[in-house]
Amino acid sequence: MNITKTGARRLAKTARKLAVLIGAAALTGCVQIETPDKPIEINLNINIRQEVVYRLDGDAKKLIEQNSEIF
């Protein structure tokens, strides 16, 4: 079997990646999940403020002022 330099580099990269994955798998621990004794309480203090900014063209503003009974 004849392996080129490029093939050897790919094989070395793949071997390194495999070694890292195996090492990472060995370092993982056991995860345990337990339910709490008391219910979870979430306090939300939310202050919502909205500002509306509008501008009218001079002609539109005059028209509204002249016909204020429509609005």
N, C-alpha and C. Protein backbone atom coordinates (compact mmCIF):
# COMPACT_ATOMS: atom_id res chain seq x y z
N MET A 1 0.84 -1.17 0.00
CA MET A 1 0.00 0.00 0.00
C MET A 1 0.89 1.24 0.00
N ASN A 2 0.65 2.13 -0.94
CA ASN A 2 1.47 3.31 -1.11
C ASN A 2 0.66 4.54 -0.70
N ILE A 3 1.07 5.26 0.36
CA ILE A 3 0.35 6.44 0.85
C ILE A 3 1.15 7.67 0.47
N THR A 4 0.48 8.64 -0.15
CA THR A 4 1.14 9.89 -0.52
C THR A 4 1.26 10.79 0.71
N LYS A 5 2.02 11.87 0.56
CA LYS A 5 2.18 12.81 1.69
C LYS A 5 0.85 13.44 2.06
N THR A 6 0.04 13.77 1.05
CA THR A 6 -1.27 14.37 1.32
C THR A 6 -2.16 13.38 2.06
N GLY A 7 -2.13 12.13 1.63
CA GLY A 7 -2.93 11.10 2.30
C GLY A 7 -2.47 10.88 3.72
N ALA A 8 -1.16 10.94 3.93
CA ALA A 8 -0.63 10.75 5.27
C ALA A 8 -1.04 11.91 6.18
N ARG A 9 -1.06 13.13 5.63
CA ARG A 9 -1.48 14.28 6.43
C ARG A 9 -2.95 14.16 6.82
N ARG A 10 -3.77 13.75 5.86
CA ARG A 10 -5.21 13.57 6.16
C ARG A 10 -5.41 12.52 7.23
N LEU A 11 -4.66 11.43 7.11
CA LEU A 11 -4.77 10.35 8.10
C LEU A 11 -4.33 10.84 9.47
N ALA A 12 -3.27 11.65 9.52
CA ALA A 12 -2.79 12.18 10.80
C ALA A 12 -3.81 13.14 11.41
N LYS A 13 -4.44 13.99 10.57
CA LYS A 13 -5.46 14.91 11.07
C LYS A 13 -6.65 14.14 11.61
N THR A 14 -7.07 13.11 10.88
CA THR A 14 -8.20 12.30 11.32
C THR A 14 -7.89 11.60 12.62
N ALA A 15 -6.66 11.09 12.75
CA ALA A 15 -6.25 10.42 13.98
C ALA A 15 -6.25 11.39 15.15
N ARG A 16 -5.78 12.63 14.92
CA ARG A 16 -5.78 13.63 16.00
C ARG A 16 -7.19 13.97 16.44
N LYS A 17 -8.08 14.14 15.46
CA LYS A 17 -9.47 14.45 15.79
C LYS A 17 -10.10 13.32 16.59
N LEU A 18 -9.83 12.09 16.19
CA LEU A 18 -10.37 10.93 16.90
C LEU A 18 -9.82 10.87 18.32
N ALA A 19 -8.55 11.18 18.49
CA ALA A 19 -7.95 11.17 19.83
C ALA A 19 -8.57 12.23 20.71
N VAL A 20 -8.83 13.42 20.14
CA VAL A 20 -9.46 14.49 20.92
C VAL A 20 -10.87 14.07 21.33
N LEU A 21 -11.62 13.48 20.42
CA LEU A 21 -12.98 13.04 20.76
C LEU A 21 -12.98 11.97 21.84
N ILE A 22 -12.07 11.03 21.74
CA ILE A 22 -12.00 9.97 22.76
C ILE A 22 -11.60 10.57 24.11
N GLY A 23 -10.64 11.52 24.09
CA GLY A 23 -10.23 12.18 25.33
C GLY A 23 -11.35 12.98 25.95
N ALA A 24 -12.12 13.67 25.12
CA ALA A 24 -13.24 14.45 25.64
C ALA A 24 -14.31 13.54 26.22
N ALA A 25 -14.56 12.42 25.58
CA ALA A 25 -15.55 11.48 26.08
C ALA A 25 -15.12 10.90 27.42
N ALA A 26 -13.83 10.71 27.60
CA ALA A 26 -13.33 10.16 28.86
C ALA A 26 -13.47 11.17 30.00
N LEU A 27 -13.46 12.46 29.68
CA LEU A 27 -13.52 13.49 30.72
C LEU A 27 -14.96 13.84 31.13
N THR A 28 -15.92 13.39 30.38
CA THR A 28 -17.30 13.73 30.72
C THR A 28 -17.72 12.97 31.97
N GLY A 29 -18.54 13.62 32.78
CA GLY A 29 -18.98 13.00 34.02
C GLY A 29 -20.43 12.57 33.92
N CYS A 30 -20.93 12.10 35.01
CA CYS A 30 -22.31 11.65 35.09
C CYS A 30 -23.18 12.85 35.48
N VAL A 31 -24.29 13.01 34.81
CA VAL A 31 -25.19 14.12 35.08
C VAL A 31 -26.42 13.57 35.81
N GLN A 32 -26.72 14.17 36.96
CA GLN A 32 -27.90 13.77 37.71
C GLN A 32 -28.85 14.94 37.81
N ILE A 33 -30.12 14.69 37.58
CA ILE A 33 -31.14 15.73 37.65
C ILE A 33 -32.14 15.34 38.74
N GLU A 34 -32.35 16.28 39.67
CA GLU A 34 -33.30 16.04 40.74
C GLU A 34 -34.36 17.14 40.72
N THR A 35 -35.58 16.78 41.08
CA THR A 35 -36.64 17.78 41.14
C THR A 35 -36.54 18.53 42.46
N PRO A 36 -36.84 19.83 42.46
CA PRO A 36 -36.75 20.61 43.70
C PRO A 36 -37.88 20.25 44.67
N ASP A 37 -37.61 20.48 45.97
CA ASP A 37 -38.62 20.21 47.00
C ASP A 37 -39.73 21.26 46.96
N LYS A 38 -39.35 22.51 46.69
CA LYS A 38 -40.32 23.61 46.66
C LYS A 38 -40.62 23.98 45.21
N PRO A 39 -41.79 24.55 44.97
CA PRO A 39 -42.07 24.99 43.59
C PRO A 39 -41.18 26.16 43.19
N ILE A 40 -40.92 26.26 41.91
CA ILE A 40 -40.09 27.35 41.40
C ILE A 40 -40.92 28.62 41.36
N GLU A 41 -40.39 29.69 41.93
CA GLU A 41 -41.09 30.98 41.98
C GLU A 41 -40.33 31.98 41.12
N ILE A 42 -41.05 32.61 40.20
CA ILE A 42 -40.45 33.59 39.31
C ILE A 42 -41.13 34.93 39.55
N ASN A 43 -40.37 35.92 39.97
CA ASN A 43 -40.89 37.27 40.19
C ASN A 43 -40.48 38.14 39.02
N LEU A 44 -41.45 38.69 38.32
CA LEU A 44 -41.16 39.56 37.19
C LEU A 44 -41.66 40.96 37.49
N ASN A 45 -40.76 41.86 37.66
CA ASN A 45 -41.10 43.26 37.82
C ASN A 45 -40.74 43.97 36.52
N ILE A 46 -41.75 44.20 35.72
CA ILE A 46 -41.53 44.76 34.39
C ILE A 46 -42.20 46.12 34.30
N ASN A 47 -41.45 47.09 33.85
CA ASN A 47 -41.97 48.43 33.65
C ASN A 47 -41.89 48.72 32.16
N ILE A 48 -43.03 48.88 31.52
CA ILE A 48 -43.07 49.14 30.09
C ILE A 48 -43.49 50.58 29.87
N ARG A 49 -42.67 51.30 29.13
CA ARG A 49 -42.96 52.69 28.83
C ARG A 49 -42.91 52.86 27.32
N GLN A 50 -43.93 53.47 26.81
CA GLN A 50 -44.00 53.67 25.37
C GLN A 50 -44.17 55.15 25.07
N GLU A 51 -43.39 55.63 24.15
CA GLU A 51 -43.50 57.00 23.73
C GLU A 51 -43.83 57.02 22.24
N VAL A 52 -44.80 57.84 21.88
CA VAL A 52 -45.18 57.97 20.49
C VAL A 52 -44.80 59.37 20.03
N VAL A 53 -43.97 59.43 19.04
CA VAL A 53 -43.53 60.71 18.51
C VAL A 53 -44.08 60.83 17.09
N TYR A 54 -44.74 61.96 16.82
CA TYR A 54 -45.28 62.15 15.47
C TYR A 54 -45.00 63.57 15.01
N ARG A 55 -44.89 63.71 13.72
CA ARG A 55 -44.68 65.02 13.11
C ARG A 55 -45.64 65.14 11.94
N LEU A 56 -46.20 66.30 11.80
CA LEU A 56 -47.13 66.54 10.70
C LEU A 56 -46.57 67.60 9.77
N ASP A 57 -46.85 67.43 8.52
CA ASP A 57 -46.51 68.45 7.53
C ASP A 57 -47.32 69.70 7.85
N GLY A 58 -46.79 70.86 7.53
CA GLY A 58 -47.46 72.12 7.84
C GLY A 58 -48.87 72.20 7.26
N ASP A 59 -49.06 71.77 6.02
CA ASP A 59 -50.39 71.82 5.39
C ASP A 59 -51.35 70.87 6.09
N ALA A 60 -50.88 69.69 6.44
CA ALA A 60 -51.75 68.73 7.12
C ALA A 60 -52.15 69.25 8.49
N LYS A 61 -51.22 69.90 9.17
CA LYS A 61 -51.51 70.43 10.50
C LYS A 61 -52.57 71.53 10.40
N LYS A 62 -52.46 72.41 9.41
CA LYS A 62 -53.47 73.47 9.22
C LYS A 62 -54.83 72.87 8.89
N LEU A 63 -54.86 71.84 8.06
CA LEU A 63 -56.11 71.19 7.68
C LEU A 63 -56.79 70.58 8.90
N ILE A 64 -56.04 69.95 9.77
CA ILE A 64 -56.60 69.35 10.98
C ILE A 64 -57.12 70.43 11.90
N GLU A 65 -56.40 71.53 12.05
CA GLU A 65 -56.84 72.62 12.91
C GLU A 65 -58.12 73.27 12.38
N GLN A 66 -58.24 73.37 11.06
CA GLN A 66 -59.42 73.95 10.46
C GLN A 66 -60.63 73.04 10.58
N ASN A 67 -60.41 71.74 10.56
CA ASN A 67 -61.50 70.76 10.63
C ASN A 67 -61.39 69.94 11.92
N SER A 68 -61.23 70.59 13.02
CA SER A 68 -61.03 69.88 14.29
C SER A 68 -62.24 69.06 14.70
N GLU A 69 -63.43 69.42 14.21
CA GLU A 69 -64.64 68.67 14.58
C GLU A 69 -64.65 67.26 13.96
N ILE A 70 -63.89 67.05 12.89
CA ILE A 70 -63.82 65.72 12.27
C ILE A 70 -63.03 64.76 13.16
N PHE A 71 -62.02 65.30 13.80
CA PHE A 71 -61.14 64.45 14.60
C PHE A 71 -61.59 64.54 16.00
